[in-house]
Full PDB file with SEQRES, HELIX, SHEET, SSBOND, CRYST1, ORIGX, SCALE, CONECT and MASTER records, all heavy atoms in Angstrom:
SEQRES   1 A   35  SER PRO ALA LEU THR ALA PRO LEU HIS VAL CYS GLY PRO          
SEQRES   2 A   35  ILE LYS LEU VAL LEU TYR ALA ALA SER SER GLY THR ASP          
SEQRES   3 A   35  THR ASP PHE ILE VAL LYS LEU SER GLU                          
CRYST1    1.000    1.000    1.000  90.00  90.00  90.00 P 1           1          
ORIGX1      1.000000  0.000000  0.000000        0.00000                         
ORIGX2      0.000000  1.000000  0.000000        0.00000                         
ORIGX3      0.000000  0.000000  1.000000        0.00000                         
SCALE1      1.000000  0.000000  0.000000        0.00000                         
SCALE2      0.000000  1.000000  0.000000        0.00000                         
SCALE3      0.000000  0.000000  1.000000        0.00000                         
ATOM      1  N   SER A   1      11.650   2.874 -11.586  1.00  0.00           N  
ATOM      2  CA  SER A   1      11.442   1.455 -11.885  1.00  0.00           C  
ATOM      3  C   SER A   1      12.524   0.942 -12.826  1.00  0.00           C  
ATOM      4  O   SER A   1      13.235   1.723 -13.470  1.00  0.00           O  
ATOM      5  CB  SER A   1      10.078   1.265 -12.543  1.00  0.00           C  
ATOM      6  OG  SER A   1      10.107   1.688 -13.902  1.00  0.00           O  
ATOM      7  N   PRO A   2      12.634  -0.383 -12.956  1.00  0.00           N  
ATOM      8  CA  PRO A   2      13.452  -0.930 -14.041  1.00  0.00           C  
ATOM      9  C   PRO A   2      12.861  -0.541 -15.394  1.00  0.00           C  
ATOM     10  O   PRO A   2      11.701  -0.133 -15.491  1.00  0.00           O  
ATOM     11  CB  PRO A   2      13.375  -2.450 -13.807  1.00  0.00           C  
ATOM     12  CG  PRO A   2      12.949  -2.614 -12.393  1.00  0.00           C  
ATOM     13  CD  PRO A   2      12.074  -1.434 -12.083  1.00  0.00           C  
ATOM     14  N   ALA A   3      13.659  -0.685 -16.438  1.00  0.00           N  
ATOM     15  CA  ALA A   3      13.158  -0.395 -17.785  1.00  0.00           C  
ATOM     16  C   ALA A   3      12.012  -1.344 -18.117  1.00  0.00           C  
ATOM     17  O   ALA A   3      12.081  -2.550 -17.845  1.00  0.00           O  
ATOM     18  CB  ALA A   3      14.282  -0.535 -18.803  1.00  0.00           C  
ATOM     19  N   LEU A   4      10.957  -0.808 -18.702  1.00  0.00           N  
ATOM     20  CA  LEU A   4       9.790  -1.620 -19.054  1.00  0.00           C  
ATOM     21  C   LEU A   4      10.118  -2.526 -20.234  1.00  0.00           C  
ATOM     22  O   LEU A   4      10.731  -2.094 -21.219  1.00  0.00           O  
ATOM     23  CB  LEU A   4       8.610  -0.718 -19.398  1.00  0.00           C  
ATOM     24  CG  LEU A   4       8.086   0.178 -18.273  1.00  0.00           C  
ATOM     25  CD1 LEU A   4       7.038   1.148 -18.817  1.00  0.00           C  
ATOM     26  CD2 LEU A   4       7.506  -0.663 -17.145  1.00  0.00           C  
ATOM     27  N   THR A   5       9.674  -3.755 -20.155  1.00  0.00           N  
ATOM     28  CA  THR A   5       9.893  -4.698 -21.255  1.00  0.00           C  
ATOM     29  C   THR A   5       8.772  -4.645 -22.272  1.00  0.00           C  
ATOM     30  O   THR A   5       8.892  -5.209 -23.361  1.00  0.00           O  
ATOM     31  CB  THR A   5      10.015  -6.125 -20.707  1.00  0.00           C  
ATOM     32  OG1 THR A   5       8.823  -6.455 -19.990  1.00  0.00           O  
ATOM     33  CG2 THR A   5      11.227  -6.228 -19.784  1.00  0.00           C  
ATOM     34  N   ALA A   6       7.657  -3.983 -21.936  1.00  0.00           N  
ATOM     35  CA  ALA A   6       6.513  -3.840 -22.840  1.00  0.00           C  
ATOM     36  C   ALA A   6       5.817  -2.532 -22.509  1.00  0.00           C  
ATOM     37  O   ALA A   6       5.975  -1.990 -21.405  1.00  0.00           O  
ATOM     38  CB  ALA A   6       5.550  -5.025 -22.672  1.00  0.00           C  
ATOM     39  N   PRO A   7       5.041  -1.995 -23.440  1.00  0.00           N  
ATOM     40  CA  PRO A   7       4.304  -0.762 -23.134  1.00  0.00           C  
ATOM     41  C   PRO A   7       3.370  -0.964 -21.947  1.00  0.00           C  
ATOM     42  O   PRO A   7       2.848  -2.053 -21.712  1.00  0.00           O  
ATOM     43  CB  PRO A   7       3.520  -0.491 -24.422  1.00  0.00           C  
ATOM     44  CG  PRO A   7       4.268  -1.218 -25.493  1.00  0.00           C  
ATOM     45  CD  PRO A   7       4.825  -2.447 -24.833  1.00  0.00           C  
ATOM     46  N   LEU A   8       3.152   0.106 -21.194  1.00  0.00           N  
ATOM     47  CA  LEU A   8       2.298   0.066 -20.015  1.00  0.00           C  
ATOM     48  C   LEU A   8       1.209   1.119 -20.188  1.00  0.00           C  
ATOM     49  O   LEU A   8       1.476   2.322 -20.151  1.00  0.00           O  
ATOM     50  CB  LEU A   8       3.121   0.344 -18.754  1.00  0.00           C  
ATOM     51  CG  LEU A   8       2.457   0.052 -17.414  1.00  0.00           C  
ATOM     52  CD1 LEU A   8       2.282  -1.445 -17.225  1.00  0.00           C  
ATOM     53  CD2 LEU A   8       3.296   0.637 -16.274  1.00  0.00           C  
ATOM     54  N   HIS A   9      -0.026   0.663 -20.384  1.00  0.00           N  
ATOM     55  CA  HIS A   9      -1.165   1.554 -20.608  1.00  0.00           C  
ATOM     56  C   HIS A   9      -1.806   1.862 -19.256  1.00  0.00           C  
ATOM     57  O   HIS A   9      -2.482   1.017 -18.668  1.00  0.00           O  
ATOM     58  CB  HIS A   9      -2.157   0.865 -21.548  1.00  0.00           C  
ATOM     59  CG  HIS A   9      -3.370   1.682 -21.860  1.00  0.00           C  
ATOM     60  ND1 HIS A   9      -4.332   1.258 -22.732  1.00  0.00           N  
ATOM     61  CD2 HIS A   9      -3.788   2.891 -21.425  1.00  0.00           C  
ATOM     62  CE1 HIS A   9      -5.289   2.156 -22.817  1.00  0.00           C  
ATOM     63  NE2 HIS A   9      -4.980   3.156 -22.028  1.00  0.00           N  
ATOM     64  N   VAL A  10      -1.602   3.077 -18.768  1.00  0.00           N  
ATOM     65  CA  VAL A  10      -2.100   3.498 -17.465  1.00  0.00           C  
ATOM     66  C   VAL A  10      -3.330   4.373 -17.663  1.00  0.00           C  
ATOM     67  O   VAL A  10      -3.319   5.297 -18.479  1.00  0.00           O  
ATOM     68  CB  VAL A  10      -1.012   4.269 -16.696  1.00  0.00           C  
ATOM     69  CG1 VAL A  10      -1.563   4.840 -15.400  1.00  0.00           C  
ATOM     70  CG2 VAL A  10       0.183   3.366 -16.421  1.00  0.00           C  
ATOM     71  N   CYS A  11      -4.398   4.091 -16.916  1.00  0.00           N  
ATOM     72  CA  CYS A  11      -5.598   4.914 -17.036  1.00  0.00           C  
ATOM     73  C   CYS A  11      -6.398   4.861 -15.739  1.00  0.00           C  
ATOM     74  O   CYS A  11      -6.882   3.800 -15.345  1.00  0.00           O  
ATOM     75  CB  CYS A  11      -6.465   4.453 -18.200  1.00  0.00           C  
ATOM     76  SG  CYS A  11      -7.887   5.543 -18.483  1.00  0.00           S  
ATOM     77  N   GLY A  12      -6.537   6.016 -15.078  1.00  0.00           N  
ATOM     78  CA  GLY A  12      -7.323   6.091 -13.861  1.00  0.00           C  
ATOM     79  C   GLY A  12      -6.625   6.919 -12.801  1.00  0.00           C  
ATOM     80  O   GLY A  12      -5.527   7.462 -13.015  1.00  0.00           O  
ATOM     81  N   PRO A  13      -7.223   7.025 -11.614  1.00  0.00           N  
ATOM     82  CA  PRO A  13      -6.580   7.738 -10.507  1.00  0.00           C  
ATOM     83  C   PRO A  13      -5.430   6.930  -9.926  1.00  0.00           C  
ATOM     84  O   PRO A  13      -5.426   5.698  -9.978  1.00  0.00           O  
ATOM     85  CB  PRO A  13      -7.714   7.901  -9.495  1.00  0.00           C  
ATOM     86  CG  PRO A  13      -8.648   6.774  -9.790  1.00  0.00           C  
ATOM     87  CD  PRO A  13      -8.561   6.529 -11.266  1.00  0.00           C  
ATOM     88  N   ILE A  14      -4.456   7.614  -9.356  1.00  0.00           N  
ATOM     89  CA  ILE A  14      -3.235   6.999  -8.825  1.00  0.00           C  
ATOM     90  C   ILE A  14      -3.109   7.391  -7.356  1.00  0.00           C  
ATOM     91  O   ILE A  14      -3.500   8.501  -6.968  1.00  0.00           O  
ATOM     92  CB  ILE A  14      -2.009   7.465  -9.633  1.00  0.00           C  
ATOM     93  CG1 ILE A  14      -2.146   7.011 -11.096  1.00  0.00           C  
ATOM     94  CG2 ILE A  14      -0.706   6.940  -9.036  1.00  0.00           C  
ATOM     95  CD1 ILE A  14      -1.139   7.658 -12.031  1.00  0.00           C  
ATOM     96  N   LYS A  15      -2.557   6.492  -6.557  1.00  0.00           N  
ATOM     97  CA  LYS A  15      -2.372   6.800  -5.132  1.00  0.00           C  
ATOM     98  C   LYS A  15      -0.970   6.429  -4.691  1.00  0.00           C  
ATOM     99  O   LYS A  15      -0.449   5.376  -5.062  1.00  0.00           O  
ATOM    100  CB  LYS A  15      -3.403   6.054  -4.280  1.00  0.00           C  
ATOM    101  CG  LYS A  15      -3.294   6.390  -2.787  1.00  0.00           C  
ATOM    102  CD  LYS A  15      -4.413   5.764  -1.973  1.00  0.00           C  
ATOM    103  CE  LYS A  15      -4.197   4.309  -1.684  1.00  0.00           C  
ATOM    104  NZ  LYS A  15      -5.169   3.767  -0.693  1.00  0.00           N  
ATOM    105  N   LEU A  16      -0.393   7.298  -3.871  1.00  0.00           N  
ATOM    106  CA  LEU A  16       0.881   7.015  -3.215  1.00  0.00           C  
ATOM    107  C   LEU A  16       0.626   6.844  -1.723  1.00  0.00           C  
ATOM    108  O   LEU A  16       0.084   7.746  -1.068  1.00  0.00           O  
ATOM    109  CB  LEU A  16       1.869   8.156  -3.448  1.00  0.00           C  
ATOM    110  CG  LEU A  16       3.188   8.082  -2.658  1.00  0.00           C  
ATOM    111  CD1 LEU A  16       4.003   6.864  -3.073  1.00  0.00           C  
ATOM    112  CD2 LEU A  16       3.997   9.366  -2.841  1.00  0.00           C  
ATOM    113  N   VAL A  17       0.972   5.697  -1.180  1.00  0.00           N  
ATOM    114  CA  VAL A  17       0.975   5.496   0.261  1.00  0.00           C  
ATOM    115  C   VAL A  17       2.405   5.747   0.730  1.00  0.00           C  
ATOM    116  O   VAL A  17       3.335   5.055   0.302  1.00  0.00           O  
ATOM    117  CB  VAL A  17       0.519   4.079   0.644  1.00  0.00           C  
ATOM    118  CG1 VAL A  17       0.730   3.839   2.142  1.00  0.00           C  
ATOM    119  CG2 VAL A  17      -0.949   3.888   0.289  1.00  0.00           C  
ATOM    120  N   LEU A  18       2.574   6.752   1.561  1.00  0.00           N  
ATOM    121  CA  LEU A  18       3.911   7.191   1.957  1.00  0.00           C  
ATOM    122  C   LEU A  18       4.023   7.224   3.481  1.00  0.00           C  
ATOM    123  O   LEU A  18       3.259   7.924   4.163  1.00  0.00           O  
ATOM    124  CB  LEU A  18       4.192   8.578   1.381  1.00  0.00           C  
ATOM    125  CG  LEU A  18       5.598   9.140   1.587  1.00  0.00           C  
ATOM    126  CD1 LEU A  18       6.617   8.296   0.833  1.00  0.00           C  
ATOM    127  CD2 LEU A  18       5.657  10.594   1.131  1.00  0.00           C  
ATOM    128  N   TYR A  19       4.953   6.473   4.008  1.00  0.00           N  
ATOM    129  CA  TYR A  19       5.271   6.526   5.437  1.00  0.00           C  
ATOM    130  C   TYR A  19       6.383   7.547   5.615  1.00  0.00           C  
ATOM    131  O   TYR A  19       7.476   7.403   5.041  1.00  0.00           O  
ATOM    132  CB  TYR A  19       5.719   5.162   5.935  1.00  0.00           C  
ATOM    133  CG  TYR A  19       4.605   4.143   5.986  1.00  0.00           C  
ATOM    134  CD1 TYR A  19       4.266   3.402   4.856  1.00  0.00           C  
ATOM    135  CD2 TYR A  19       3.893   3.921   7.156  1.00  0.00           C  
ATOM    136  CE1 TYR A  19       3.244   2.464   4.891  1.00  0.00           C  
ATOM    137  CE2 TYR A  19       2.871   2.984   7.208  1.00  0.00           C  
ATOM    138  CZ  TYR A  19       2.547   2.257   6.071  1.00  0.00           C  
ATOM    139  OH  TYR A  19       1.533   1.331   6.111  1.00  0.00           O  
ATOM    140  N   ALA A  20       6.113   8.574   6.409  1.00  0.00           N  
ATOM    141  CA  ALA A  20       7.075   9.669   6.515  1.00  0.00           C  
ATOM    142  C   ALA A  20       7.077  10.262   7.920  1.00  0.00           C  
ATOM    143  O   ALA A  20       6.085  10.178   8.656  1.00  0.00           O  
ATOM    144  CB  ALA A  20       6.752  10.755   5.496  1.00  0.00           C  
ATOM    145  N   ALA A  21       8.197  10.860   8.266  1.00  0.00           N  
ATOM    146  CA  ALA A  21       8.344  11.612   9.506  1.00  0.00           C  
ATOM    147  C   ALA A  21       9.056  12.913   9.190  1.00  0.00           C  
ATOM    148  O   ALA A  21       9.849  12.987   8.242  1.00  0.00           O  
ATOM    149  CB  ALA A  21       9.138  10.808  10.538  1.00  0.00           C  
ATOM    150  N   SER A  22       8.772  13.933   9.971  1.00  0.00           N  
ATOM    151  CA  SER A  22       9.367  15.244   9.741  1.00  0.00           C  
ATOM    152  C   SER A  22       9.935  15.796  11.032  1.00  0.00           C  
ATOM    153  O   SER A  22       9.467  15.474  12.136  1.00  0.00           O  
ATOM    154  CB  SER A  22       8.319  16.212   9.187  1.00  0.00           C  
ATOM    155  OG  SER A  22       8.873  17.496   8.972  1.00  0.00           O  
ATOM    156  N   SER A  23      10.923  16.647  10.907  1.00  0.00           N  
ATOM    157  CA  SER A  23      11.504  17.291  12.079  1.00  0.00           C  
ATOM    158  C   SER A  23      10.604  18.380  12.648  1.00  0.00           C  
ATOM    159  O   SER A  23      10.798  18.818  13.780  1.00  0.00           O  
ATOM    160  CB  SER A  23      12.865  17.902  11.725  1.00  0.00           C  
ATOM    161  OG  SER A  23      12.705  18.888  10.713  1.00  0.00           O  
ATOM    162  N   GLY A  24       9.626  18.815  11.878  1.00  0.00           N  
ATOM    163  CA  GLY A  24       8.735  19.880  12.306  1.00  0.00           C  
ATOM    164  C   GLY A  24       7.328  19.398  12.555  1.00  0.00           C  
ATOM    165  O   GLY A  24       7.034  18.196  12.531  1.00  0.00           O  
ATOM    166  N   THR A  25       6.420  20.348  12.780  1.00  0.00           N  
ATOM    167  CA  THR A  25       5.021  20.028  13.044  1.00  0.00           C  
ATOM    168  C   THR A  25       4.170  20.030  11.778  1.00  0.00           C  
ATOM    169  O   THR A  25       2.975  19.767  11.842  1.00  0.00           O  
ATOM    170  CB  THR A  25       4.422  21.022  14.044  1.00  0.00           C  
ATOM    171  OG1 THR A  25       4.546  22.347  13.521  1.00  0.00           O  
ATOM    172  CG2 THR A  25       5.136  20.916  15.394  1.00  0.00           C  
ATOM    173  N   ASP A  26       4.783  20.324  10.659  1.00  0.00           N  
ATOM    174  CA  ASP A  26       4.072  20.272   9.382  1.00  0.00           C  
ATOM    175  C   ASP A  26       5.097  20.180   8.260  1.00  0.00           C  
ATOM    176  O   ASP A  26       6.262  20.560   8.426  1.00  0.00           O  
ATOM    177  CB  ASP A  26       3.204  21.515   9.185  1.00  0.00           C  
ATOM    178  CG  ASP A  26       1.995  21.269   8.279  1.00  0.00           C  
ATOM    179  OD1 ASP A  26       1.883  20.142   7.742  1.00  0.00           O  
ATOM    180  OD2 ASP A  26       1.168  22.182   8.135  1.00  0.00           O  
ATOM    181  N   THR A  27       4.675  19.661   7.126  1.00  0.00           N  
ATOM    182  CA  THR A  27       5.554  19.589   5.960  1.00  0.00           C  
ATOM    183  C   THR A  27       4.695  19.396   4.729  1.00  0.00           C  
ATOM    184  O   THR A  27       3.498  19.097   4.821  1.00  0.00           O  
ATOM    185  CB  THR A  27       6.576  18.445   6.093  1.00  0.00           C  
ATOM    186  OG1 THR A  27       7.557  18.558   5.041  1.00  0.00           O  
ATOM    187  CG2 THR A  27       5.902  17.073   6.001  1.00  0.00           C  
ATOM    188  N   ASP A  28       5.297  19.597   3.560  1.00  0.00           N  
ATOM    189  CA  ASP A  28       4.585  19.451   2.295  1.00  0.00           C  
ATOM    190  C   ASP A  28       5.170  18.315   1.479  1.00  0.00           C  
ATOM    191  O   ASP A  28       6.388  18.078   1.500  1.00  0.00           O  
ATOM    192  CB  ASP A  28       4.671  20.743   1.474  1.00  0.00           C  
ATOM    193  CG  ASP A  28       3.904  21.896   2.103  1.00  0.00           C  
ATOM    194  OD1 ASP A  28       3.033  21.635   2.953  1.00  0.00           O  
ATOM    195  OD2 ASP A  28       4.182  23.056   1.738  1.00  0.00           O  
ATOM    196  N   PHE A  29       4.276  17.655   0.740  1.00  0.00           N  
ATOM    197  CA  PHE A  29       4.695  16.637  -0.220  1.00  0.00           C  
ATOM    198  C   PHE A  29       4.185  17.050  -1.596  1.00  0.00           C  
ATOM    199  O   PHE A  29       2.969  17.157  -1.806  1.00  0.00           O  
ATOM    200  CB  PHE A  29       4.123  15.264   0.149  1.00  0.00           C  
ATOM    201  CG  PHE A  29       4.393  14.834   1.559  1.00  0.00           C  
ATOM    202  CD1 PHE A  29       3.375  14.812   2.501  1.00  0.00           C  
ATOM    203  CD2 PHE A  29       5.673  14.472   1.957  1.00  0.00           C  
ATOM    204  CE1 PHE A  29       3.614  14.423   3.806  1.00  0.00           C  
ATOM    205  CE2 PHE A  29       5.927  14.085   3.267  1.00  0.00           C  
ATOM    206  CZ  PHE A  29       4.899  14.057   4.191  1.00  0.00           C  
ATOM    207  N   ILE A  30       5.098  17.305  -2.515  1.00  0.00           N  
ATOM    208  CA  ILE A  30       4.743  17.552  -3.910  1.00  0.00           C  
ATOM    209  C   ILE A  30       5.377  16.426  -4.712  1.00  0.00           C  
ATOM    210  O   ILE A  30       6.597  16.278  -4.742  1.00  0.00           O  
ATOM    211  CB  ILE A  30       5.225  18.933  -4.394  1.00  0.00           C  
ATOM    212  CG1 ILE A  30       4.489  20.031  -3.600  1.00  0.00           C  
ATOM    213  CG2 ILE A  30       4.994  19.095  -5.885  1.00  0.00           C  
ATOM    214  CD1 ILE A  30       4.874  21.442  -3.987  1.00  0.00           C  
ATOM    215  N   VAL A  31       4.529  15.590  -5.307  1.00  0.00           N  
ATOM    216  CA  VAL A  31       5.012  14.384  -5.976  1.00  0.00           C  
ATOM    217  C   VAL A  31       4.661  14.440  -7.457  1.00  0.00           C  
ATOM    218  O   VAL A  31       3.636  15.005  -7.848  1.00  0.00           O  
ATOM    219  CB  VAL A  31       4.434  13.111  -5.320  1.00  0.00           C  
ATOM    220  CG1 VAL A  31       4.783  13.066  -3.854  1.00  0.00           C  
ATOM    221  CG2 VAL A  31       2.921  13.031  -5.502  1.00  0.00           C  
ATOM    222  N   LYS A  32       5.516  13.859  -8.251  1.00  0.00           N  
ATOM    223  CA  LYS A  32       5.307  13.793  -9.698  1.00  0.00           C  
ATOM    224  C   LYS A  32       5.605  12.382 -10.178  1.00  0.00           C  
ATOM    225  O   LYS A  32       6.549  11.751  -9.700  1.00  0.00           O  
ATOM    226  CB  LYS A  32       6.219  14.790 -10.420  1.00  0.00           C  
ATOM    227  CG  LYS A  32       6.012  16.232 -10.010  1.00  0.00           C  
ATOM    228  CD  LYS A  32       6.998  17.158 -10.685  1.00  0.00           C  
ATOM    229  CE  LYS A  32       6.861  18.579 -10.169  1.00  0.00           C  
ATOM    230  NZ  LYS A  32       7.839  19.503 -10.796  1.00  0.00           N  
ATOM    231  N   LEU A  33       4.791  11.929 -11.103  1.00  0.00           N  
ATOM    232  CA  LEU A  33       5.064  10.679 -11.804  1.00  0.00           C  
ATOM    233  C   LEU A  33       5.517  11.027 -13.206  1.00  0.00           C  
ATOM    234  O   LEU A  33       4.796  11.705 -13.948  1.00  0.00           O  
ATOM    235  CB  LEU A  33       3.819   9.793 -11.853  1.00  0.00           C  
ATOM    236  CG  LEU A  33       3.968   8.489 -12.638  1.00  0.00           C  
ATOM    237  CD1 LEU A  33       5.023   7.587 -12.009  1.00  0.00           C  
ATOM    238  CD2 LEU A  33       2.628   7.769 -12.752  1.00  0.00           C  
ATOM    239  N   SER A  34       6.718  10.604 -13.557  1.00  0.00           N  
ATOM    240  CA  SER A  34       7.296  10.934 -14.858  1.00  0.00           C  
ATOM    241  C   SER A  34       7.628   9.678 -15.638  1.00  0.00           C  
ATOM    242  O   SER A  34       7.820   8.595 -15.065  1.00  0.00           O  
ATOM    243  CB  SER A  34       8.577  11.762 -14.686  1.00  0.00           C  
ATOM    244  OG  SER A  34       8.313  13.020 -14.110  1.00  0.00           O  
ATOM    245  N   GLU A  35       7.697   9.827 -16.948  1.00  0.00           N  
ATOM    246  CA  GLU A  35       8.246   8.783 -17.806  1.00  0.00           C  
ATOM    247  C   GLU A  35       9.691   9.163 -18.122  1.00  0.00           C  
ATOM    248  O   GLU A  35       9.953  10.218 -18.702  1.00  0.00           O  
ATOM    249  CB  GLU A  35       7.456   8.632 -19.104  1.00  0.00           C  
ATOM    250  CG  GLU A  35       8.040   7.565 -20.013  1.00  0.00           C  
ATOM    251  CD  GLU A  35       7.205   7.274 -21.248  1.00  0.00           C  
ATOM    252  OE1 GLU A  35       6.210   7.986 -21.475  1.00  0.00           O  
ATOM    253  OE2 GLU A  35       7.553   6.327 -21.991  1.00  0.00           O  
TER     254      GLU A  35                                                      
MASTER        0    0    0    0    0    0    0    6  253    1    0    3          
END                                                                             
């Protein structure tokens, strides 16, 4: 993201909606949210 202009208080479950395609019949997604 762009630099935050104010503190951001996050609390609760988070969801990523990801549209993806793979060259194989299966794949893994390991995602991290960092500051």
